[in-house]
């Protein structure tokens, strides 16, 4: 496999293992800004939940994979979560993380008017990864993710929020800040650099 597809040299010595990112309105621009600064050898798994139309054609994954050094793909049912890959929640399914480090999907009702819901994947990730998890809330127009980010913080993980002032729509970051005492509240152009720094911590 190519370097972009799998970083086989990655060890298990990182302080953090997984990053979960929740985003809605303005999401493509925000995600590109973060992923574009990550190197191909980035050693953590990244799971992105973005609110989008249920009949989307996969443009998001193709666009990000084509423009970023790190490999980006849609998450699949029962797929093993591997280091150095960015997974995007498929449209119209809730994405969950199982105890064995694989994905599962659900078509249960909408949560916070959304499916996939950010809260659903954040909460399941917090149960599996605990203090080895980083949660990030970006631009968005509702409160999805604030409850999940709170659970990540309570489980010992790290909570990061984009500054409302640099968000295309500020409601989601504001709700997260109100619900949680974030470890970092940073403008969009600093978030990718922070993740690189956190990835290097042992």
N, C-alpha and C. Protein backbone atom coordinates (compact mmCIF):
# COMPACT_ATOMS: atom_id res chain seq x y z
N UNK A 1 0.83 -1.20 0.00
CA UNK A 1 0.00 0.00 0.00
C UNK A 1 0.87 1.25 0.00
N UNK A 2 0.31 2.32 -0.45
CA UNK A 2 1.06 3.56 -0.46
C UNK A 2 1.09 4.16 0.93
N UNK A 3 2.00 5.10 1.13
CA UNK A 3 2.10 5.78 2.42
C UNK A 3 0.77 6.42 2.78
N UNK A 4 0.07 6.97 1.76
CA UNK A 4 -1.17 7.67 2.05
C UNK A 4 -2.25 6.73 2.55
N UNK A 5 -2.23 5.50 2.10
CA UNK A 5 -3.27 4.56 2.47
C UNK A 5 -3.07 3.94 3.85
N UNK A 6 -1.82 3.80 4.26
CA UNK A 6 -1.61 3.15 5.56
C UNK A 6 -0.22 3.48 6.08
N UNK A 7 -0.15 3.90 7.32
CA UNK A 7 1.12 4.22 7.95
C UNK A 7 1.52 3.06 8.86
N UNK A 8 2.16 2.05 8.31
CA UNK A 8 2.43 0.82 9.05
C UNK A 8 3.44 1.00 10.18
N UNK A 9 4.24 2.05 10.11
CA UNK A 9 5.27 2.23 11.13
C UNK A 9 4.71 2.88 12.39
N UNK A 10 3.46 3.27 12.38
CA UNK A 10 2.89 3.96 13.53
C UNK A 10 2.91 3.04 14.76
N UNK A 11 3.38 3.57 15.87
CA UNK A 11 3.43 2.79 17.11
C UNK A 11 2.20 3.09 17.95
N UNK A 12 2.09 2.43 19.08
CA UNK A 12 0.96 2.65 19.98
C UNK A 12 1.37 3.49 21.18
N UNK A 13 2.37 4.33 21.01
CA UNK A 13 2.89 5.11 22.13
C UNK A 13 2.28 6.50 22.24
N UNK A 14 1.37 6.86 21.35
CA UNK A 14 0.79 8.18 21.40
C UNK A 14 -0.10 8.36 22.63
N UNK A 15 -0.10 9.56 23.17
CA UNK A 15 -1.01 9.88 24.27
C UNK A 15 -2.45 9.80 23.80
N UNK A 16 -2.70 10.23 22.56
CA UNK A 16 -4.04 10.18 21.97
C UNK A 16 -4.06 9.18 20.82
N UNK A 17 -5.22 8.60 20.56
CA UNK A 17 -5.39 7.61 19.51
C UNK A 17 -6.29 8.10 18.38
N UNK A 18 -7.37 8.79 18.76
CA UNK A 18 -8.42 9.12 17.80
C UNK A 18 -8.87 10.56 17.99
N UNK A 19 -9.21 11.19 16.86
CA UNK A 19 -9.80 12.53 16.86
C UNK A 19 -11.19 12.41 16.23
N UNK A 20 -12.21 12.91 16.91
CA UNK A 20 -13.55 12.99 16.31
C UNK A 20 -13.87 14.45 16.08
N UNK A 21 -14.39 14.74 14.90
CA UNK A 21 -14.67 16.12 14.50
C UNK A 21 -16.13 16.21 14.10
N UNK A 22 -16.85 17.18 14.67
CA UNK A 22 -18.23 17.43 14.31
C UNK A 22 -18.38 18.78 13.65
N UNK A 23 -19.13 18.82 12.54
CA UNK A 23 -19.24 20.05 11.77
C UNK A 23 -20.54 20.04 10.98
N UNK A 24 -21.05 21.22 10.69
CA UNK A 24 -22.27 21.33 9.90
C UNK A 24 -22.09 22.43 8.85
N UNK A 25 -22.89 23.46 8.89
CA UNK A 25 -22.85 24.52 7.88
C UNK A 25 -21.45 25.14 7.80
N UNK A 26 -20.93 25.23 6.59
CA UNK A 26 -19.57 25.74 6.39
C UNK A 26 -18.51 24.68 6.56
N UNK A 27 -18.93 23.42 6.61
CA UNK A 27 -18.04 22.34 6.99
C UNK A 27 -16.92 22.03 6.02
N UNK A 28 -17.19 22.05 4.72
CA UNK A 28 -16.16 21.67 3.76
C UNK A 28 -14.95 22.59 3.86
N UNK A 29 -15.19 23.87 3.93
CA UNK A 29 -14.08 24.83 4.07
C UNK A 29 -13.32 24.60 5.36
N UNK A 30 -14.04 24.37 6.45
CA UNK A 30 -13.39 24.19 7.75
C UNK A 30 -12.55 22.92 7.78
N UNK A 31 -13.12 21.83 7.28
CA UNK A 31 -12.39 20.56 7.28
C UNK A 31 -11.16 20.64 6.40
N UNK A 32 -11.28 21.25 5.24
CA UNK A 32 -10.11 21.40 4.36
C UNK A 32 -9.01 22.20 5.04
N UNK A 33 -9.38 23.24 5.75
CA UNK A 33 -8.38 24.07 6.43
C UNK A 33 -7.59 23.27 7.45
N UNK A 34 -8.25 22.33 8.11
CA UNK A 34 -7.57 21.51 9.12
C UNK A 34 -6.75 20.40 8.48
N UNK A 35 -7.37 19.63 7.61
CA UNK A 35 -6.68 18.47 7.03
C UNK A 35 -5.52 18.86 6.13
N UNK A 36 -5.60 20.03 5.52
CA UNK A 36 -4.55 20.43 4.57
C UNK A 36 -3.19 20.63 5.23
N UNK A 37 -3.16 20.81 6.55
CA UNK A 37 -1.88 21.01 7.22
C UNK A 37 -1.36 19.73 7.88
N UNK A 38 -2.10 18.63 7.75
CA UNK A 38 -1.66 17.38 8.36
C UNK A 38 -0.79 16.60 7.38
N UNK A 39 0.30 16.03 7.85
CA UNK A 39 1.20 15.28 6.97
C UNK A 39 0.68 13.89 6.68
N UNK A 40 1.22 13.26 5.64
CA UNK A 40 0.80 11.91 5.28
C UNK A 40 1.08 10.91 6.39
N UNK A 41 2.09 11.19 7.22
CA UNK A 41 2.45 10.26 8.30
C UNK A 41 1.73 10.59 9.61
N UNK A 42 0.67 11.39 9.56
CA UNK A 42 -0.09 11.72 10.76
C UNK A 42 -0.53 10.43 11.44
N UNK A 43 -0.28 10.31 12.74
CA UNK A 43 -0.35 9.02 13.42
C UNK A 43 -1.66 8.72 14.14
N UNK A 44 -2.68 9.56 14.02
CA UNK A 44 -3.94 9.32 14.69
C UNK A 44 -5.04 9.04 13.67
N UNK A 45 -6.06 8.33 14.11
CA UNK A 45 -7.27 8.17 13.31
C UNK A 45 -8.12 9.43 13.47
N UNK A 46 -8.80 9.82 12.40
CA UNK A 46 -9.71 10.96 12.45
C UNK A 46 -11.07 10.50 11.94
N UNK A 47 -12.11 10.83 12.71
CA UNK A 47 -13.47 10.48 12.32
C UNK A 47 -14.27 11.77 12.22
N UNK A 48 -14.83 12.03 11.05
CA UNK A 48 -15.56 13.28 10.80
C UNK A 48 -17.04 12.98 10.66
N UNK A 49 -17.86 13.73 11.39
CA UNK A 49 -19.30 13.68 11.21
C UNK A 49 -19.75 15.06 10.73
N UNK A 50 -20.32 15.07 9.52
CA UNK A 50 -20.77 16.33 8.93
C UNK A 50 -22.22 16.19 8.51
N UNK A 51 -23.04 17.15 8.87
CA UNK A 51 -24.43 17.15 8.44
C UNK A 51 -24.47 17.45 6.94
N UNK A 52 -25.07 16.54 6.17
CA UNK A 52 -25.19 16.75 4.73
C UNK A 52 -26.40 16.00 4.21
N UNK A 53 -26.76 16.29 2.98
CA UNK A 53 -27.97 15.71 2.40
C UNK A 53 -27.86 14.21 2.31
N UNK A 54 -28.96 13.52 2.55
CA UNK A 54 -28.94 12.05 2.58
C UNK A 54 -28.59 11.42 1.25
N UNK A 55 -28.73 12.15 0.15
CA UNK A 55 -28.44 11.59 -1.17
C UNK A 55 -27.14 12.14 -1.76
N UNK A 56 -26.27 12.64 -0.91
CA UNK A 56 -24.99 13.14 -1.41
C UNK A 56 -24.21 12.04 -2.12
N UNK A 57 -23.40 12.45 -3.09
CA UNK A 57 -22.75 11.46 -3.98
C UNK A 57 -21.31 11.13 -3.61
N UNK A 58 -20.85 11.53 -2.44
CA UNK A 58 -19.47 11.24 -2.04
C UNK A 58 -18.47 12.29 -2.46
N UNK A 59 -18.97 13.46 -2.90
CA UNK A 59 -18.05 14.53 -3.31
C UNK A 59 -17.12 14.94 -2.18
N UNK A 60 -17.65 14.98 -0.95
CA UNK A 60 -16.84 15.43 0.19
C UNK A 60 -15.58 14.59 0.34
N UNK A 61 -15.75 13.27 0.36
CA UNK A 61 -14.61 12.37 0.53
C UNK A 61 -13.62 12.50 -0.63
N UNK A 62 -14.14 12.53 -1.85
CA UNK A 62 -13.26 12.62 -3.03
C UNK A 62 -12.48 13.94 -3.03
N UNK A 63 -13.17 15.00 -2.69
CA UNK A 63 -12.52 16.31 -2.69
C UNK A 63 -11.41 16.38 -1.64
N UNK A 64 -11.71 15.92 -0.44
CA UNK A 64 -10.71 15.96 0.63
C UNK A 64 -9.53 15.04 0.34
N UNK A 65 -9.82 13.84 -0.16
CA UNK A 65 -8.75 12.89 -0.45
C UNK A 65 -7.84 13.41 -1.55
N UNK A 66 -8.42 14.11 -2.52
CA UNK A 66 -7.62 14.63 -3.61
C UNK A 66 -6.75 15.81 -3.24
N UNK A 67 -7.16 16.55 -2.23
CA UNK A 67 -6.45 17.78 -1.87
C UNK A 67 -5.57 17.65 -0.63
N UNK A 68 -5.71 16.57 0.11
CA UNK A 68 -4.96 16.42 1.36
C UNK A 68 -3.93 15.30 1.26
N UNK A 69 -2.90 15.38 2.06
CA UNK A 69 -1.86 14.35 2.06
C UNK A 69 -2.31 13.09 2.76
N UNK A 70 -3.16 13.24 3.75
CA UNK A 70 -3.66 12.09 4.50
C UNK A 70 -4.84 11.48 3.76
N UNK A 71 -4.99 10.16 3.83
CA UNK A 71 -6.05 9.47 3.10
C UNK A 71 -7.41 9.71 3.75
N UNK A 72 -8.42 10.03 2.93
CA UNK A 72 -9.77 10.30 3.39
C UNK A 72 -10.72 9.35 2.69
N UNK A 73 -11.60 8.70 3.45
CA UNK A 73 -12.56 7.76 2.88
C UNK A 73 -13.84 7.76 3.69
N UNK A 74 -14.90 7.22 3.10
CA UNK A 74 -16.14 7.05 3.84
C UNK A 74 -16.03 5.83 4.74
N UNK A 75 -16.53 5.95 5.96
CA UNK A 75 -16.53 4.82 6.90
C UNK A 75 -17.49 3.75 6.42
N UNK A 76 -17.09 2.49 6.60
CA UNK A 76 -17.90 1.35 6.18
C UNK A 76 -18.32 0.51 7.40
N UNK A 77 -19.44 -0.15 7.28
CA UNK A 77 -19.93 -1.05 8.32
C UNK A 77 -18.90 -2.12 8.65
N UNK A 78 -18.61 -2.30 9.95
CA UNK A 78 -17.69 -3.30 10.48
C UNK A 78 -16.23 -3.07 10.08
N UNK A 79 -15.92 -1.91 9.54
CA UNK A 79 -14.55 -1.59 9.16
C UNK A 79 -13.70 -1.33 10.41
N UNK A 80 -12.50 -1.85 10.41
CA UNK A 80 -11.57 -1.60 11.51
C UNK A 80 -11.01 -0.18 11.40
N UNK A 81 -10.99 0.52 12.51
CA UNK A 81 -10.47 1.89 12.53
C UNK A 81 -8.96 1.83 12.63
N UNK A 82 -8.29 2.38 11.63
CA UNK A 82 -6.83 2.31 11.56
C UNK A 82 -6.20 3.69 11.73
N UNK A 83 -4.99 3.68 12.23
CA UNK A 83 -4.25 4.93 12.43
C UNK A 83 -3.91 5.56 11.08
N UNK A 84 -3.87 6.89 11.05
CA UNK A 84 -3.42 7.59 9.87
C UNK A 84 -4.43 7.70 8.76
N UNK A 85 -5.70 7.43 9.03
CA UNK A 85 -6.75 7.52 8.03
C UNK A 85 -7.86 8.42 8.55
N UNK A 86 -8.46 9.20 7.64
CA UNK A 86 -9.60 10.04 7.97
C UNK A 86 -10.86 9.34 7.48
N UNK A 87 -11.79 9.10 8.39
CA UNK A 87 -13.06 8.45 8.06
C UNK A 87 -14.18 9.49 8.13
N UNK A 88 -15.06 9.47 7.13
CA UNK A 88 -16.21 10.38 7.11
C UNK A 88 -17.48 9.56 7.28
N UNK A 89 -18.33 9.98 8.19
CA UNK A 89 -19.60 9.28 8.42
C UNK A 89 -20.45 9.33 7.16
N UNK A 90 -21.02 8.20 6.75
CA UNK A 90 -21.86 8.19 5.54
C UNK A 90 -23.15 8.97 5.78
N UNK A 91 -23.73 9.52 4.72
CA UNK A 91 -24.99 10.26 4.88
C UNK A 91 -26.14 9.33 5.25
N UNK A 92 -27.04 9.86 6.08
CA UNK A 92 -28.29 9.20 6.44
C UNK A 92 -28.12 7.98 7.36
N UNK A 93 -26.96 7.84 7.99
CA UNK A 93 -26.73 6.78 8.97
C UNK A 93 -26.07 7.39 10.21
N UNK A 94 -26.48 6.95 11.38
CA UNK A 94 -25.71 7.24 12.57
C UNK A 94 -24.48 6.33 12.58
N UNK A 95 -23.34 6.90 12.90
CA UNK A 95 -22.09 6.14 12.97
C UNK A 95 -21.74 5.91 14.43
N UNK A 96 -21.43 4.67 14.78
CA UNK A 96 -21.04 4.32 16.14
C UNK A 96 -19.73 3.55 16.13
N UNK A 97 -19.04 3.58 17.26
CA UNK A 97 -17.78 2.86 17.41
C UNK A 97 -17.98 1.76 18.43
N UNK A 98 -17.61 0.55 18.02
CA UNK A 98 -17.77 -0.61 18.88
C UNK A 98 -16.53 -0.81 19.75
N UNK A 99 -16.67 -1.62 20.79
CA UNK A 99 -15.58 -1.87 21.73
C UNK A 99 -14.35 -2.49 21.06
N UNK A 100 -14.56 -3.19 19.94
CA UNK A 100 -13.44 -3.83 19.25
C UNK A 100 -12.77 -2.92 18.22
N UNK A 101 -13.12 -1.62 18.24
CA UNK A 101 -12.47 -0.67 17.35
C UNK A 101 -12.95 -0.73 15.92
N UNK A 102 -14.20 -1.10 15.71
CA UNK A 102 -14.79 -1.11 14.38
C UNK A 102 -16.01 -0.18 14.36
N UNK A 103 -16.45 0.14 13.14
CA UNK A 103 -17.64 0.97 12.97
C UNK A 103 -18.89 0.11 12.90
N UNK A 104 -19.98 0.66 13.39
CA UNK A 104 -21.30 0.12 13.11
C UNK A 104 -22.20 1.29 12.75
N UNK A 105 -23.32 0.98 12.12
CA UNK A 105 -24.22 2.03 11.64
C UNK A 105 -25.64 1.74 12.05
N UNK A 106 -26.40 2.81 12.17
CA UNK A 106 -27.79 2.70 12.61
C UNK A 106 -28.66 3.65 11.80
N UNK A 107 -29.91 3.22 11.57
CA UNK A 107 -30.88 4.08 10.89
C UNK A 107 -31.97 4.50 11.87
N UNK A 108 -31.65 4.50 13.16
CA UNK A 108 -32.60 5.00 14.15
C UNK A 108 -32.90 6.47 13.88
N UNK A 109 -33.89 7.00 14.56
CA UNK A 109 -34.37 8.35 14.28
C UNK A 109 -33.31 9.43 14.40
N UNK A 110 -33.63 10.58 13.82
CA UNK A 110 -32.71 11.71 13.84
C UNK A 110 -32.47 12.18 15.28
N UNK A 111 -31.25 12.62 15.54
CA UNK A 111 -30.87 13.21 16.82
C UNK A 111 -30.43 14.64 16.54
N UNK A 112 -31.02 15.58 17.25
CA UNK A 112 -30.77 16.99 16.95
C UNK A 112 -31.06 17.30 15.49
N UNK A 113 -32.12 16.70 14.97
CA UNK A 113 -32.57 16.88 13.59
C UNK A 113 -31.57 16.36 12.56
N UNK A 114 -30.65 15.53 12.98
CA UNK A 114 -29.59 15.09 12.08
C UNK A 114 -29.38 13.59 12.14
N UNK A 115 -29.03 13.02 11.00
CA UNK A 115 -28.54 11.65 10.89
C UNK A 115 -27.57 11.63 9.72
N UNK A 116 -26.27 11.54 9.95
CA UNK A 116 -25.62 11.19 11.20
C UNK A 116 -25.63 12.33 12.23
N UNK A 117 -25.66 11.94 13.48
CA UNK A 117 -25.59 12.90 14.58
C UNK A 117 -24.18 12.93 15.14
N UNK A 118 -23.71 14.12 15.41
CA UNK A 118 -22.39 14.28 16.04
C UNK A 118 -22.39 13.70 17.45
N UNK A 119 -23.46 13.96 18.20
CA UNK A 119 -23.54 13.45 19.57
C UNK A 119 -23.41 11.94 19.61
N UNK A 120 -24.04 11.25 18.68
CA UNK A 120 -24.03 9.78 18.68
C UNK A 120 -22.61 9.24 18.57
N UNK A 121 -21.84 9.72 17.60
CA UNK A 121 -20.48 9.19 17.43
C UNK A 121 -19.55 9.69 18.53
N UNK A 122 -19.72 10.91 18.99
CA UNK A 122 -18.88 11.42 20.08
C UNK A 122 -19.09 10.58 21.35
N UNK A 123 -20.33 10.28 21.66
CA UNK A 123 -20.62 9.53 22.88
C UNK A 123 -20.09 8.10 22.80
N UNK A 124 -20.26 7.45 21.66
CA UNK A 124 -19.75 6.09 21.54
C UNK A 124 -18.23 6.08 21.54
N UNK A 125 -17.60 7.09 20.93
CA UNK A 125 -16.14 7.17 20.94
C UNK A 125 -15.61 7.41 22.34
N UNK A 126 -16.30 8.22 23.13
CA UNK A 126 -15.87 8.48 24.50
C UNK A 126 -15.88 7.20 25.33
N UNK A 127 -16.88 6.35 25.12
CA UNK A 127 -16.96 5.10 25.85
C UNK A 127 -15.82 4.15 25.50
N UNK A 128 -15.39 4.19 24.25
CA UNK A 128 -14.34 3.25 23.80
C UNK A 128 -12.94 3.78 24.10
N UNK A 129 -12.71 5.06 23.84
CA UNK A 129 -11.33 5.59 23.89
C UNK A 129 -11.01 6.40 25.14
N UNK A 130 -12.01 6.93 25.83
CA UNK A 130 -11.76 7.65 27.08
C UNK A 130 -10.74 8.76 26.94
N UNK A 131 -9.69 8.71 27.75
CA UNK A 131 -8.69 9.78 27.78
C UNK A 131 -7.79 9.80 26.54
N UNK A 132 -7.92 8.82 25.68
CA UNK A 132 -7.12 8.79 24.45
C UNK A 132 -7.84 9.46 23.28
N UNK A 133 -8.93 10.17 23.56
CA UNK A 133 -9.78 10.75 22.52
C UNK A 133 -9.69 12.27 22.53
N UNK A 134 -9.71 12.84 21.34
CA UNK A 134 -9.81 14.29 21.15
C UNK A 134 -11.12 14.58 20.43
N UNK A 135 -11.93 15.48 20.97
CA UNK A 135 -13.17 15.90 20.32
C UNK A 135 -13.07 17.33 19.84
N UNK A 136 -13.53 17.58 18.62
CA UNK A 136 -13.44 18.92 18.02
C UNK A 136 -14.81 19.31 17.48
N UNK A 137 -15.30 20.49 17.86
CA UNK A 137 -16.54 21.03 17.32
C UNK A 137 -16.21 22.25 16.47
N UNK A 138 -16.73 22.23 15.23
CA UNK A 138 -16.50 23.32 14.28
C UNK A 138 -17.82 24.04 13.96
N UNK A 139 -17.77 24.86 12.97
CA UNK A 139 -18.91 25.66 12.51
C UNK A 139 -20.17 24.84 12.33
N UNK A 140 -21.31 25.42 12.65
CA UNK A 140 -22.57 24.72 12.47
C UNK A 140 -23.75 25.49 13.01
N UNK A 141 -24.96 25.08 12.58
CA UNK A 141 -26.16 25.87 12.84
C UNK A 141 -27.09 25.29 13.89
N UNK A 142 -26.66 24.24 14.61
CA UNK A 142 -27.51 23.77 15.70
C UNK A 142 -26.65 23.39 16.89
N UNK A 143 -27.22 22.65 17.84
CA UNK A 143 -26.50 22.32 19.07
C UNK A 143 -25.92 20.91 19.06
N UNK A 144 -26.00 20.22 17.93
CA UNK A 144 -25.48 18.86 17.87
C UNK A 144 -23.99 18.86 18.20
N UNK A 145 -23.58 17.92 19.03
CA UNK A 145 -22.18 17.79 19.40
C UNK A 145 -21.84 18.30 20.78
N UNK A 146 -22.65 19.20 21.33
CA UNK A 146 -22.31 19.76 22.64
C UNK A 146 -22.43 18.71 23.74
N UNK A 147 -23.46 17.88 23.66
CA UNK A 147 -23.62 16.81 24.64
C UNK A 147 -22.51 15.77 24.51
N UNK A 148 -22.17 15.43 23.28
CA UNK A 148 -21.11 14.46 23.05
C UNK A 148 -19.75 14.96 23.48
N UNK A 149 -19.49 16.24 23.24
CA UNK A 149 -18.21 16.81 23.65
C UNK A 149 -18.10 16.82 25.18
N UNK A 150 -19.22 17.07 25.84
CA UNK A 150 -19.23 17.03 27.30
C UNK A 150 -18.87 15.63 27.79
N UNK A 151 -19.40 14.61 27.14
CA UNK A 151 -19.09 13.24 27.54
C UNK A 151 -17.63 12.92 27.31
N UNK A 152 -17.06 13.41 26.22
CA UNK A 152 -15.62 13.21 25.97
C UNK A 152 -14.80 13.81 27.11
N UNK A 153 -15.15 15.02 27.50
CA UNK A 153 -14.42 15.69 28.58
C UNK A 153 -14.58 14.92 29.89
N UNK A 154 -15.77 14.45 30.18
CA UNK A 154 -16.02 13.70 31.41
C UNK A 154 -15.26 12.37 31.43
N UNK A 155 -15.01 11.82 30.24
CA UNK A 155 -14.27 10.55 30.15
C UNK A 155 -12.76 10.76 30.19
N UNK A 156 -12.32 12.00 30.31
CA UNK A 156 -10.90 12.28 30.40
C UNK A 156 -10.25 12.69 29.10
N UNK A 157 -11.06 12.81 28.03
CA UNK A 157 -10.54 13.23 26.74
C UNK A 157 -10.37 14.74 26.64
N UNK A 158 -9.92 15.18 25.48
CA UNK A 158 -9.62 16.60 25.25
C UNK A 158 -10.75 17.22 24.43
N UNK A 159 -11.18 18.41 24.82
CA UNK A 159 -12.27 19.11 24.15
C UNK A 159 -11.75 20.38 23.47
N UNK A 160 -12.00 20.48 22.17
CA UNK A 160 -11.53 21.61 21.37
C UNK A 160 -12.71 22.20 20.60
N UNK A 161 -12.79 23.53 20.55
CA UNK A 161 -13.89 24.20 19.86
C UNK A 161 -13.33 25.33 19.00
N UNK A 162 -13.86 25.45 17.80
CA UNK A 162 -13.51 26.59 16.94
C UNK A 162 -14.11 27.86 17.52
N UNK A 163 -13.38 28.94 17.47
CA UNK A 163 -13.93 30.20 17.96
C UNK A 163 -15.16 30.58 17.16
N UNK A 164 -16.24 30.97 17.82
CA UNK A 164 -17.44 31.37 17.09
C UNK A 164 -17.17 32.47 16.06
N UNK A 165 -16.23 33.35 16.36
CA UNK A 165 -15.95 34.47 15.47
C UNK A 165 -15.37 34.03 14.13
N UNK A 166 -14.72 32.87 14.09
CA UNK A 166 -14.14 32.38 12.83
C UNK A 166 -15.01 31.30 12.20
N UNK A 167 -16.20 31.05 12.75
CA UNK A 167 -17.12 30.06 12.22
C UNK A 167 -18.07 30.70 11.22
N UNK A 168 -18.35 29.98 10.14
CA UNK A 168 -19.33 30.49 9.18
C UNK A 168 -20.69 30.66 9.84
N UNK A 169 -21.03 29.69 10.69
CA UNK A 169 -22.23 29.79 11.53
C UNK A 169 -21.81 29.46 12.96
N UNK A 170 -22.11 30.33 13.90
CA UNK A 170 -21.51 30.25 15.23
C UNK A 170 -22.30 29.46 16.24
N UNK A 171 -23.53 29.02 15.91
CA UNK A 171 -24.39 28.41 16.92
C UNK A 171 -23.79 27.13 17.51
N UNK A 172 -23.22 26.28 16.69
CA UNK A 172 -22.68 25.01 17.20
C UNK A 172 -21.49 25.23 18.13
N UNK A 173 -20.50 26.04 17.74
CA UNK A 173 -19.41 26.31 18.70
C UNK A 173 -19.89 26.98 19.99
N UNK A 174 -20.83 27.89 19.87
CA UNK A 174 -21.33 28.56 21.08
C UNK A 174 -22.03 27.58 22.01
N UNK A 175 -22.80 26.67 21.44
CA UNK A 175 -23.48 25.67 22.26
C UNK A 175 -22.47 24.76 22.96
N UNK A 176 -21.42 24.40 22.25
CA UNK A 176 -20.38 23.54 22.84
C UNK A 176 -19.67 24.25 23.98
N UNK A 177 -19.35 25.51 23.78
CA UNK A 177 -18.66 26.28 24.82
C UNK A 177 -19.55 26.44 26.05
N UNK A 178 -20.86 26.58 25.82
CA UNK A 178 -21.80 26.72 26.94
C UNK A 178 -21.94 25.42 27.72
N UNK A 179 -21.80 24.30 27.02
CA UNK A 179 -22.02 23.00 27.67
C UNK A 179 -20.76 22.44 28.32
N UNK A 180 -19.61 22.85 27.83
CA UNK A 180 -18.34 22.26 28.24
C UNK A 180 -17.36 23.38 28.56
N UNK A 181 -16.41 23.10 29.42
CA UNK A 181 -15.27 24.00 29.61
C UNK A 181 -14.17 23.49 28.70
N UNK A 182 -14.08 23.98 27.45
CA UNK A 182 -13.13 23.38 26.49
C UNK A 182 -11.68 23.57 26.92
N UNK A 183 -10.86 22.64 26.51
CA UNK A 183 -9.43 22.78 26.76
C UNK A 183 -8.81 23.83 25.84
N UNK A 184 -9.36 23.94 24.64
CA UNK A 184 -8.89 24.94 23.67
C UNK A 184 -10.08 25.51 22.93
N UNK A 185 -10.08 26.83 22.74
CA UNK A 185 -11.00 27.52 21.85
C UNK A 185 -10.13 28.36 20.93
N UNK A 186 -10.05 27.94 19.65
CA UNK A 186 -9.07 28.53 18.74
C UNK A 186 -9.69 28.88 17.40
N UNK A 187 -9.12 29.88 16.71
CA UNK A 187 -9.59 30.17 15.35
C UNK A 187 -9.25 29.03 14.41
N UNK A 188 -9.98 28.98 13.31
CA UNK A 188 -9.86 27.87 12.38
C UNK A 188 -8.43 27.66 11.91
N UNK A 189 -7.71 28.72 11.64
CA UNK A 189 -6.37 28.57 11.06
C UNK A 189 -5.33 28.05 12.05
N UNK A 190 -5.72 27.89 13.33
CA UNK A 190 -4.80 27.34 14.32
C UNK A 190 -5.12 25.90 14.72
N UNK A 191 -6.27 25.41 14.29
CA UNK A 191 -6.71 24.10 14.77
C UNK A 191 -5.88 22.96 14.20
N UNK A 192 -5.57 23.01 12.92
CA UNK A 192 -4.75 21.96 12.33
C UNK A 192 -3.37 21.89 12.96
N UNK A 193 -2.79 23.04 13.23
CA UNK A 193 -1.47 23.09 13.86
C UNK A 193 -1.52 22.51 15.28
N UNK A 194 -2.61 22.78 15.99
CA UNK A 194 -2.77 22.21 17.32
C UNK A 194 -2.85 20.68 17.25
N UNK A 195 -3.60 20.15 16.30
CA UNK A 195 -3.71 18.69 16.17
C UNK A 195 -2.37 18.06 15.84
N UNK A 196 -1.57 18.74 15.05
CA UNK A 196 -0.22 18.22 14.76
C UNK A 196 0.61 18.18 16.04
N UNK A 197 0.49 19.21 16.86
CA UNK A 197 1.24 19.25 18.11
C UNK A 197 0.77 18.14 19.05
N UNK A 198 -0.53 17.95 19.16
CA UNK A 198 -1.08 16.92 20.04
C UNK A 198 -0.71 15.52 19.55
N UNK A 199 -0.65 15.34 18.24
CA UNK A 199 -0.29 14.05 17.67
C UNK A 199 1.12 13.64 18.04
N UNK A 200 1.98 14.61 18.25
CA UNK A 200 3.38 14.33 18.55
C UNK A 200 3.62 14.04 20.03
N UNK A 201 2.61 14.26 20.88
CA UNK A 201 2.78 14.03 22.31
C UNK A 201 2.81 12.54 22.62
N UNK A 202 3.73 12.16 23.49
CA UNK A 202 3.89 10.74 23.85
C UNK A 202 3.60 10.56 25.34
